[in-house]
Amino acid sequence: MTTERLIRIFAGAFVLASLALGIWVNQNFFWFTAFVGANLLQSGFTGFCPLGMILKKLGVKESCATAG
């Protein structure tokens, strides 16, 4: 797996989990959904992704498009 795929998997899992928690536990979990979306948006514009940096330090290989 590459960092790009793992980032997408993590983001999707966090969005789905926070939506479920927001529906069944407490509506304040929707703020976490908004945080994940805002982080994805800023990452698309700036290229800065904290999870990507963590995965890179853990030794996960980068995709060909992001390497270099």
PDB file of N, CA and C in Angstrom:
ATOM      1  N   MET A   1       0.843  -1.190   0.000  1.00  0.00           N
ATOM      2  CA  MET A   1       0.000   0.000   0.000  1.00  0.00           C
ATOM      3  C   MET A   1       0.879   1.241   0.000  1.00  0.00           C
ATOM      4  N   THR A   2       0.385   2.255  -0.653  1.00  0.00           N
ATOM      5  CA  THR A   2       1.113   3.518  -0.698  1.00  0.00           C
ATOM      6  C   THR A   2       0.480   4.517   0.273  1.00  0.00           C
ATOM      7  N   THR A   3       1.215   5.596   0.542  1.00  0.00           N
ATOM      8  CA  THR A   3       0.703   6.609   1.468  1.00  0.00           C
ATOM      9  C   THR A   3      -0.608   7.205   0.962  1.00  0.00           C
ATOM     10  N   GLU A   4      -0.700   7.435  -0.331  1.00  0.00           N
ATOM     11  CA  GLU A   4      -1.916   8.048  -0.886  1.00  0.00           C
ATOM     12  C   GLU A   4      -3.143   7.169  -0.642  1.00  0.00           C
ATOM     13  N   ARG A   5      -3.005   5.876  -0.864  1.00  0.00           N
ATOM     14  CA  ARG A   5      -4.131   4.967  -0.643  1.00  0.00           C
ATOM     15  C   ARG A   5      -4.500   4.889   0.830  1.00  0.00           C
ATOM     16  N   LEU A   6      -3.480   4.833   1.697  1.00  0.00           N
ATOM     17  CA  LEU A   6      -3.752   4.758   3.129  1.00  0.00           C
ATOM     18  C   LEU A   6      -4.423   6.026   3.645  1.00  0.00           C
ATOM     19  N   ILE A   7      -4.024   7.172   3.122  1.00  0.00           N
ATOM     20  CA  ILE A   7      -4.654   8.438   3.521  1.00  0.00           C
ATOM     21  C   ILE A   7      -6.127   8.426   3.144  1.00  0.00           C
ATOM     22  N   ARG A   8      -6.434   7.952   1.952  1.00  0.00           N
ATOM     23  CA  ARG A   8      -7.835   7.880   1.518  1.00  0.00           C
ATOM     24  C   ARG A   8      -8.630   6.908   2.383  1.00  0.00           C
ATOM     25  N   ILE A   9      -8.021   5.780   2.735  1.00  0.00           N
ATOM     26  CA  ILE A   9      -8.695   4.788   3.579  1.00  0.00           C
ATOM     27  C   ILE A   9      -8.961   5.372   4.964  1.00  0.00           C
ATOM     28  N   PHE A  10      -7.930   6.007   5.566  1.00  0.00           N
ATOM     29  CA  PHE A  10      -8.097   6.611   6.880  1.00  0.00           C
ATOM     30  C   PHE A  10      -9.178   7.697   6.848  1.00  0.00           C
ATOM     31  N   ALA A  11      -9.129   8.573   5.853  1.00  0.00           N
ATOM     32  CA  ALA A  11     -10.103   9.668   5.775  1.00  0.00           C
ATOM     33  C   ALA A  11     -11.522   9.122   5.629  1.00  0.00           C
ATOM     34  N   GLY A  12     -11.705   8.150   4.748  1.00  0.00           N
ATOM     35  CA  GLY A  12     -13.032   7.560   4.575  1.00  0.00           C
ATOM     36  C   GLY A  12     -13.539   6.884   5.835  1.00  0.00           C
ATOM     37  N   ALA A  13     -12.652   6.159   6.513  1.00  0.00           N
ATOM     38  CA  ALA A  13     -13.047   5.481   7.747  1.00  0.00           C
ATOM     39  C   ALA A  13     -13.416   6.488   8.830  1.00  0.00           C
ATOM     40  N   PHE A  14     -12.624   7.562   8.964  1.00  0.00           N
ATOM     41  CA  PHE A  14     -12.915   8.577   9.977  1.00  0.00           C
ATOM     42  C   PHE A  14     -14.227   9.302   9.677  1.00  0.00           C
ATOM     43  N   VAL A  15     -14.488   9.594   8.420  1.00  0.00           N
ATOM     44  CA  VAL A  15     -15.735  10.272   8.065  1.00  0.00           C
ATOM     45  C   VAL A  15     -16.933   9.378   8.372  1.00  0.00           C
ATOM     46  N   LEU A  16     -16.864   8.120   7.963  1.00  0.00           N
ATOM     47  CA  LEU A  16     -17.982   7.214   8.226  1.00  0.00           C
ATOM     48  C   LEU A  16     -18.181   6.982   9.718  1.00  0.00           C
ATOM     49  N   ALA A  17     -17.084   6.808  10.459  1.00  0.00           N
ATOM     50  CA  ALA A  17     -17.194   6.593  11.909  1.00  0.00           C
ATOM     51  C   ALA A  17     -17.775   7.820  12.602  1.00  0.00           C
ATOM     52  N   SER A  18     -17.313   9.018  12.223  1.00  0.00           N
ATOM     53  CA  SER A  18     -17.812  10.219  12.888  1.00  0.00           C
ATOM     54  C   SER A  18     -19.268  10.498  12.513  1.00  0.00           C
ATOM     55  N   LEU A  19     -19.668  10.146  11.300  1.00  0.00           N
ATOM     56  CA  LEU A  19     -21.085  10.286  10.935  1.00  0.00           C
ATOM     57  C   LEU A  19     -21.952   9.351  11.767  1.00  0.00           C
ATOM     58  N   ALA A  20     -21.510   8.105  11.912  1.00  0.00           N
ATOM     59  CA  ALA A  20     -22.272   7.155  12.731  1.00  0.00           C
ATOM     60  C   ALA A  20     -22.339   7.615  14.181  1.00  0.00           C
ATOM     61  N   LEU A  21     -21.208   8.080  14.716  1.00  0.00           N
ATOM     62  CA  LEU A  21     -21.201   8.571  16.097  1.00  0.00           C
ATOM     63  C   LEU A  21     -22.082   9.813  16.247  1.00  0.00           C
ATOM     64  N   GLY A  22     -22.096  10.656  15.228  1.00  0.00           N
ATOM     65  CA  GLY A  22     -22.927  11.850  15.272  1.00  0.00           C
ATOM     66  C   GLY A  22     -24.410  11.528  15.254  1.00  0.00           C
ATOM     67  N   ILE A  23     -24.773  10.474  14.559  1.00  0.00           N
ATOM     68  CA  ILE A  23     -26.183  10.079  14.487  1.00  0.00           C
ATOM     69  C   ILE A  23     -26.622   9.362  15.759  1.00  0.00           C
ATOM     70  N   TRP A  24     -25.785   8.415  16.239  1.00  0.00           N
ATOM     71  CA  TRP A  24     -26.222   7.542  17.319  1.00  0.00           C
ATOM     72  C   TRP A  24     -25.715   7.900  18.713  1.00  0.00           C
ATOM     73  N   VAL A  25     -24.682   8.742  18.811  1.00  0.00           N
ATOM     74  CA  VAL A  25     -24.128   9.051  20.136  1.00  0.00           C
ATOM     75  C   VAL A  25     -24.359  10.509  20.499  1.00  0.00           C
ATOM     76  N   ASN A  26     -23.737  11.407  19.744  1.00  0.00           N
ATOM     77  CA  ASN A  26     -23.830  12.829  20.065  1.00  0.00           C
ATOM     78  C   ASN A  26     -23.547  13.630  18.798  1.00  0.00           C
ATOM     79  N   GLN A  27     -24.353  14.648  18.546  1.00  0.00           N
ATOM     80  CA  GLN A  27     -24.202  15.448  17.330  1.00  0.00           C
ATOM     81  C   GLN A  27     -22.885  16.204  17.253  1.00  0.00           C
ATOM     82  N   ASN A  28     -22.196  16.372  18.357  1.00  0.00           N
ATOM     83  CA  ASN A  28     -20.909  17.066  18.332  1.00  0.00           C
ATOM     84  C   ASN A  28     -19.845  16.297  17.550  1.00  0.00           C
ATOM     85  N   PHE A  29     -20.058  15.005  17.303  1.00  0.00           N
ATOM     86  CA  PHE A  29     -19.113  14.245  16.491  1.00  0.00           C
ATOM     87  C   PHE A  29     -19.105  14.719  15.039  1.00  0.00           C
ATOM     88  N   PHE A  30     -20.129  15.442  14.614  1.00  0.00           N
ATOM     89  CA  PHE A  30     -20.136  16.000  13.261  1.00  0.00           C
ATOM     90  C   PHE A  30     -19.016  17.017  13.076  1.00  0.00           C
ATOM     91  N   TRP A  31     -18.560  17.626  14.165  1.00  0.00           N
ATOM     92  CA  TRP A  31     -17.423  18.547  14.071  1.00  0.00           C
ATOM     93  C   TRP A  31     -16.170  17.810  13.616  1.00  0.00           C
ATOM     94  N   PHE A  32     -16.018  16.563  14.009  1.00  0.00           N
ATOM     95  CA  PHE A  32     -14.867  15.780  13.569  1.00  0.00           C
ATOM     96  C   PHE A  32     -14.955  15.506  12.074  1.00  0.00           C
ATOM     97  N   THR A  33     -16.167  15.261  11.587  1.00  0.00           N
ATOM     98  CA  THR A  33     -16.366  15.088  10.146  1.00  0.00           C
ATOM     99  C   THR A  33     -15.941  16.345   9.406  1.00  0.00           C
ATOM    100  N   ALA A  34     -16.326  17.504   9.931  1.00  0.00           N
ATOM    101  CA  ALA A  34     -15.940  18.775   9.317  1.00  0.00           C
ATOM    102  C   ALA A  34     -14.428  18.971   9.353  1.00  0.00           C
ATOM    103  N   PHE A  35     -13.781  18.568  10.448  1.00  0.00           N
ATOM    104  CA  PHE A  35     -12.329  18.686  10.560  1.00  0.00           C
ATOM    105  C   PHE A  35     -11.626  17.838   9.502  1.00  0.00           C
ATOM    106  N   VAL A  36     -12.080  16.609   9.312  1.00  0.00           N
ATOM    107  CA  VAL A  36     -11.462  15.734   8.315  1.00  0.00           C
ATOM    108  C   VAL A  36     -11.640  16.332   6.916  1.00  0.00           C
ATOM    109  N   GLY A  37     -12.841  16.837   6.629  1.00  0.00           N
ATOM    110  CA  GLY A  37     -13.082  17.456   5.328  1.00  0.00           C
ATOM    111  C   GLY A  37     -12.228  18.692   5.101  1.00  0.00           C
ATOM    112  N   ALA A  38     -12.095  19.526   6.126  1.00  0.00           N
ATOM    113  CA  ALA A  38     -11.268  20.731   6.006  1.00  0.00           C
ATOM    114  C   ALA A  38      -9.803  20.363   5.808  1.00  0.00           C
ATOM    115  N   ASN A  39      -9.350  19.325   6.496  1.00  0.00           N
ATOM    116  CA  ASN A  39      -7.962  18.893   6.342  1.00  0.00           C
ATOM    117  C   ASN A  39      -7.713  18.362   4.935  1.00  0.00           C
ATOM    118  N   LEU A  40      -8.657  17.611   4.394  1.00  0.00           N
ATOM    119  CA  LEU A  40      -8.527  17.125   3.022  1.00  0.00           C
ATOM    120  C   LEU A  40      -8.503  18.281   2.025  1.00  0.00           C
ATOM    121  N   LEU A  41      -9.348  19.273   2.255  1.00  0.00           N
ATOM    122  CA  LEU A  41      -9.402  20.437   1.369  1.00  0.00           C
ATOM    123  C   LEU A  41      -8.082  21.197   1.377  1.00  0.00           C
ATOM    124  N   GLN A  42      -7.565  21.511   2.583  1.00  0.00           N
ATOM    125  CA  GLN A  42      -6.309  22.258   2.646  1.00  0.00           C
ATOM    126  C   GLN A  42      -5.152  21.428   2.102  1.00  0.00           C
ATOM    127  N   SER A  43      -5.186  20.113   2.291  1.00  0.00           N
ATOM    128  CA  SER A  43      -4.130  19.257   1.772  1.00  0.00           C
ATOM    129  C   SER A  43      -4.115  19.269   0.242  1.00  0.00           C
ATOM    130  N   GLY A  44      -5.295  19.348  -0.347  1.00  0.00           N
ATOM    131  CA  GLY A  44      -5.375  19.414  -1.799  1.00  0.00           C
ATOM    132  C   GLY A  44      -4.747  20.678  -2.365  1.00  0.00           C
ATOM    133  N   PHE A  45      -4.869  21.776  -1.640  1.00  0.00           N
ATOM    134  CA  PHE A  45      -4.301  23.043  -2.098  1.00  0.00           C
ATOM    135  C   PHE A  45      -2.830  23.203  -1.730  1.00  0.00           C
ATOM    136  N   THR A  46      -2.448  22.776  -0.532  1.00  0.00           N
ATOM    137  CA  THR A  46      -1.098  23.046  -0.045  1.00  0.00           C
ATOM    138  C   THR A  46      -0.144  21.867  -0.168  1.00  0.00           C
ATOM    139  N   GLY A  47      -0.674  20.650  -0.237  1.00  0.00           N
ATOM    140  CA  GLY A  47       0.174  19.472  -0.267  1.00  0.00           C
ATOM    141  C   GLY A  47       0.646  19.037   1.111  1.00  0.00           C
ATOM    142  N   PHE A  48       0.268  19.769   2.158  1.00  0.00           N
ATOM    143  CA  PHE A  48       0.660  19.441   3.532  1.00  0.00           C
ATOM    144  C   PHE A  48      -0.359  18.495   4.136  1.00  0.00           C
ATOM    145  N   CYS A  49       0.118  17.308   4.533  1.00  0.00           N
ATOM    146  CA  CYS A  49      -0.771  16.313   5.141  1.00  0.00           C
ATOM    147  C   CYS A  49      -0.050  15.673   6.314  1.00  0.00           C
ATOM    148  N   PRO A  50      -0.509  15.957   7.543  1.00  0.00           N
ATOM    149  CA  PRO A  50       0.146  15.374   8.709  1.00  0.00           C
ATOM    150  C   PRO A  50       0.176  13.844   8.684  1.00  0.00           C
ATOM    151  N   LEU A  51      -0.910  13.200   8.273  1.00  0.00           N
ATOM    152  CA  LEU A  51      -0.933  11.741   8.211  1.00  0.00           C
ATOM    153  C   LEU A  51       0.096  11.237   7.199  1.00  0.00           C
ATOM    154  N   GLY A  52       0.238  11.923   6.086  1.00  0.00           N
ATOM    155  CA  GLY A  52       1.235  11.533   5.095  1.00  0.00           C
ATOM    156  C   GLY A  52       2.641  11.587   5.651  1.00  0.00           C
ATOM    157  N   MET A  53       2.920  12.605   6.459  1.00  0.00           N
ATOM    158  CA  MET A  53       4.238  12.724   7.082  1.00  0.00           C
ATOM    159  C   MET A  53       4.468  11.579   8.067  1.00  0.00           C
ATOM    160  N   ILE A  54       3.443  11.240   8.843  1.00  0.00           N
ATOM    161  CA  ILE A  54       3.563  10.143   9.813  1.00  0.00           C
ATOM    162  C   ILE A  54       3.792   8.812   9.093  1.00  0.00           C
ATOM    163  N   LEU A  55       3.026   8.565   8.038  1.00  0.00           N
ATOM    164  CA  LEU A  55       3.178   7.318   7.295  1.00  0.00           C
ATOM    165  C   LEU A  55       4.554   7.221   6.655  1.00  0.00           C
ATOM    166  N   LYS A  56       5.064   8.332   6.158  1.00  0.00           N
ATOM    167  CA  LYS A  56       6.392   8.346   5.549  1.00  0.00           C
ATOM    168  C   LYS A  56       7.459   8.000   6.589  1.00  0.00           C
ATOM    169  N   LYS A  57       7.324   8.554   7.807  1.00  0.00           N
ATOM    170  CA  LYS A  57       8.283   8.247   8.873  1.00  0.00           C
ATOM    171  C   LYS A  57       8.187   6.789   9.306  1.00  0.00           C
ATOM    172  N   LEU A  58       7.022   6.192   9.153  1.00  0.00           N
ATOM    173  CA  LEU A  58       6.831   4.777   9.503  1.00  0.00           C
ATOM    174  C   LEU A  58       7.354   3.850   8.415  1.00  0.00           C
ATOM    175  N   GLY A  59       7.776   4.420   7.287  1.00  0.00           N
ATOM    176  CA  GLY A  59       8.370   3.622   6.225  1.00  0.00           C
ATOM    177  C   GLY A  59       7.423   3.169   5.133  1.00  0.00           C
ATOM    178  N   VAL A  60       6.224   3.725   5.096  1.00  0.00           N
ATOM    179  CA  VAL A  60       5.276   3.373   4.037  1.00  0.00           C
ATOM    180  C   VAL A  60       5.758   4.022   2.743  1.00  0.00           C
ATOM    181  N   LYS A  61       5.759   3.256   1.663  1.00  0.00           N
ATOM    182  CA  LYS A  61       6.269   3.800   0.406  1.00  0.00           C
ATOM    183  C   LYS A  61       5.300   4.808  -0.180  1.00  0.00           C
ATOM    184  N   GLU A  62       5.874   5.788  -0.879  1.00  0.00           N
ATOM    185  CA  GLU A  62       5.064   6.801  -1.533  1.00  0.00           C
ATOM    186  C   GLU A  62       4.684   6.317  -2.931  1.00  0.00           C
ATOM    187  N   SER A  63       3.599   6.848  -3.448  1.00  0.00           N
ATOM    188  CA  SER A  63       3.198   6.490  -4.806  1.00  0.00           C
ATOM    189  C   SER A  63       4.135   7.190  -5.788  1.00  0.00           C
ATOM    190  N   CYS A  64       4.142   6.731  -7.004  1.00  0.00           N
ATOM    191  CA  CYS A  64       5.028   7.311  -8.015  1.00  0.00           C
ATOM    192  C   CYS A  64       4.733   8.793  -8.244  1.00  0.00           C
ATOM    193  N   ALA A  65       3.454   9.164  -8.145  1.00  0.00           N
ATOM    194  CA  ALA A  65       3.048  10.543  -8.401  1.00  0.00           C
ATOM    195  C   ALA A  65       3.540  11.497  -7.314  1.00  0.00           C
ATOM    196  N   THR A  66       3.708  11.022  -6.058  1.00  0.00           N
ATOM    197  CA  THR A  66       4.124  11.906  -4.990  1.00  0.00           C
ATOM    198  C   THR A  66       5.599  11.781  -4.645  1.00  0.00           C
ATOM    199  N   ALA A  67       6.277  10.804  -5.208  1.00  0.00           N
ATOM    200  CA  ALA A  67       7.701  10.609  -4.898  1.00  0.00           C
ATOM    201  C   ALA A  67       8.530  11.667  -5.613  1.00  0.00           C
ATOM    202  N   GLY A  68       9.602  12.056  -4.967  1.00  0.00           N
ATOM    203  CA  GLY A  68      10.542  12.946  -5.624  1.00  0.00           C
ATOM    204  C   GLY A  68      10.494  14.274  -5.046  1.00  0.00           C
TER     205      GLY A  68
END
